[in-house]
Amino acid sequence: MNTNAAKIIDALGGTAEVARLFGVRMPSISSWRVSGIPGARMMYLQAVRPDVLQGVDVQAATAHSVSR
């Protein structure tokens, strides 16, 4: 569980609300609670909802892709 990502999702109104915000299905948001919020989505949140990121480790909440 990525507790930082979960805090952000909860601050935005929960899984269903974040799914509506980004136009994705709820299982995608549920997986963000484990793996972190994708980088592009985090950049969007930083631009439009910086208030929900206050006091949260944004870097730790962001999913990091694995290089191969």
C-alpha atoms as a PDB file:
ATOM      1  CA  MET A   1       0.000   0.000   0.000  1.00  0.00           C
ATOM      2  CA  ASN A   2       1.290   3.426  -0.958  1.00  0.00           C
ATOM      3  CA  THR A   3      -0.031   5.436   1.973  1.00  0.00           C
ATOM      4  CA  ASN A   4       0.902   8.763   0.385  1.00  0.00           C
ATOM      5  CA  ALA A   5      -1.077   7.980  -2.774  1.00  0.00           C
ATOM      6  CA  ALA A   6      -3.989   6.737  -0.669  1.00  0.00           C
ATOM      7  CA  LYS A   7      -4.029  10.019   1.293  1.00  0.00           C
ATOM      8  CA  ILE A   8      -4.244  11.999  -1.943  1.00  0.00           C
ATOM      9  CA  ILE A   9      -7.015   9.787  -3.345  1.00  0.00           C
ATOM     10  CA  ASP A  10      -8.971  10.107  -0.102  1.00  0.00           C
ATOM     11  CA  ALA A  11      -8.481  13.894  -0.045  1.00  0.00           C
ATOM     12  CA  LEU A  12      -9.886  14.063  -3.571  1.00  0.00           C
ATOM     13  CA  GLY A  13     -13.058  12.309  -2.443  1.00  0.00           C
ATOM     14  CA  GLY A  14     -12.202   8.628  -2.772  1.00  0.00           C
ATOM     15  CA  THR A  15     -11.785   6.044  -5.483  1.00  0.00           C
ATOM     16  CA  ALA A  16     -15.024   6.737  -7.373  1.00  0.00           C
ATOM     17  CA  GLU A  17     -14.484  10.498  -7.423  1.00  0.00           C
ATOM     18  CA  VAL A  18     -10.893  10.200  -8.676  1.00  0.00           C
ATOM     19  CA  ALA A  19     -12.022   7.734 -11.362  1.00  0.00           C
ATOM     20  CA  ARG A  20     -14.556  10.326 -12.555  1.00  0.00           C
ATOM     21  CA  LEU A  21     -11.939  13.093 -12.407  1.00  0.00           C
ATOM     22  CA  PHE A  22      -9.567  11.208 -14.701  1.00  0.00           C
ATOM     23  CA  GLY A  23     -12.136   9.353 -16.797  1.00  0.00           C
ATOM     24  CA  VAL A  24     -10.862   5.907 -15.845  1.00  0.00           C
ATOM     25  CA  ARG A  25     -12.411   2.897 -14.157  1.00  0.00           C
ATOM     26  CA  MET A  26     -12.334   2.460 -10.386  1.00  0.00           C
ATOM     27  CA  PRO A  27     -10.022  -0.604 -10.477  1.00  0.00           C
ATOM     28  CA  SER A  28      -7.341   1.630 -12.003  1.00  0.00           C
ATOM     29  CA  ILE A  29      -7.576   4.005  -9.062  1.00  0.00           C
ATOM     30  CA  SER A  30      -7.540   1.098  -6.613  1.00  0.00           C
ATOM     31  CA  SER A  31      -4.249  -0.039  -8.129  1.00  0.00           C
ATOM     32  CA  TRP A  32      -2.844   3.469  -7.645  1.00  0.00           C
ATOM     33  CA  ARG A  33      -3.354   2.988  -3.905  1.00  0.00           C
ATOM     34  CA  VAL A  34      -0.783   0.173  -4.148  1.00  0.00           C
ATOM     35  CA  SER A  35       1.629   1.270  -6.874  1.00  0.00           C
ATOM     36  CA  GLY A  36       1.331   5.047  -6.655  1.00  0.00           C
ATOM     37  CA  ILE A  37      -0.261   7.679  -8.866  1.00  0.00           C
ATOM     38  CA  PRO A  38       1.130   7.732 -12.432  1.00  0.00           C
ATOM     39  CA  GLY A  39       3.521  10.597 -13.097  1.00  0.00           C
ATOM     40  CA  ALA A  40       1.394  12.373 -15.710  1.00  0.00           C
ATOM     41  CA  ARG A  41      -1.649  12.227 -13.419  1.00  0.00           C
ATOM     42  CA  MET A  42       0.418  13.608 -10.540  1.00  0.00           C
ATOM     43  CA  MET A  43       1.609  16.488 -12.708  1.00  0.00           C
ATOM     44  CA  TYR A  44      -2.037  17.297 -13.448  1.00  0.00           C
ATOM     45  CA  LEU A  45      -2.894  17.259  -9.747  1.00  0.00           C
ATOM     46  CA  GLN A  46       0.046  19.538  -8.986  1.00  0.00           C
ATOM     47  CA  ALA A  47      -1.331  22.026 -11.519  1.00  0.00           C
ATOM     48  CA  VAL A  48      -5.030  21.944 -10.666  1.00  0.00           C
ATOM     49  CA  ARG A  49      -5.302  20.659  -7.068  1.00  0.00           C
ATOM     50  CA  PRO A  50      -2.136  21.605  -5.187  1.00  0.00           C
ATOM     51  CA  ASP A  51      -4.275  21.960  -2.057  1.00  0.00           C
ATOM     52  CA  VAL A  52      -4.693  18.168  -1.732  1.00  0.00           C
ATOM     53  CA  LEU A  53      -0.942  17.628  -1.968  1.00  0.00           C
ATOM     54  CA  GLN A  54      -0.116  19.730   1.103  1.00  0.00           C
ATOM     55  CA  GLY A  55       1.670  17.667   3.732  1.00  0.00           C
ATOM     56  CA  VAL A  56       2.024  14.616   1.474  1.00  0.00           C
ATOM     57  CA  ASP A  57       5.303  13.273   0.081  1.00  0.00           C
ATOM     58  CA  VAL A  58       4.473  13.735  -3.609  1.00  0.00           C
ATOM     59  CA  GLN A  59       7.556  11.889  -4.817  1.00  0.00           C
ATOM     60  CA  ALA A  60       6.704   8.866  -2.672  1.00  0.00           C
ATOM     61  CA  ALA A  61       3.089   8.991  -3.898  1.00  0.00           C
ATOM     62  CA  THR A  62       4.144   8.952  -7.549  1.00  0.00           C
ATOM     63  CA  ALA A  63       4.452   5.625  -9.365  1.00  0.00           C
ATOM     64  CA  HIS A  64       7.884   5.126 -10.830  1.00  0.00           C
ATOM     65  CA  SER A  65       8.210   3.128 -14.010  1.00  0.00           C
ATOM     66  CA  VAL A  66      10.844   0.442 -14.171  1.00  0.00           C
ATOM     67  CA  SER A  67      13.500   0.859 -16.863  1.00  0.00           C
ATOM     68  CA  ARG A  68      14.442  -2.208 -18.837  1.00  0.00           C
END
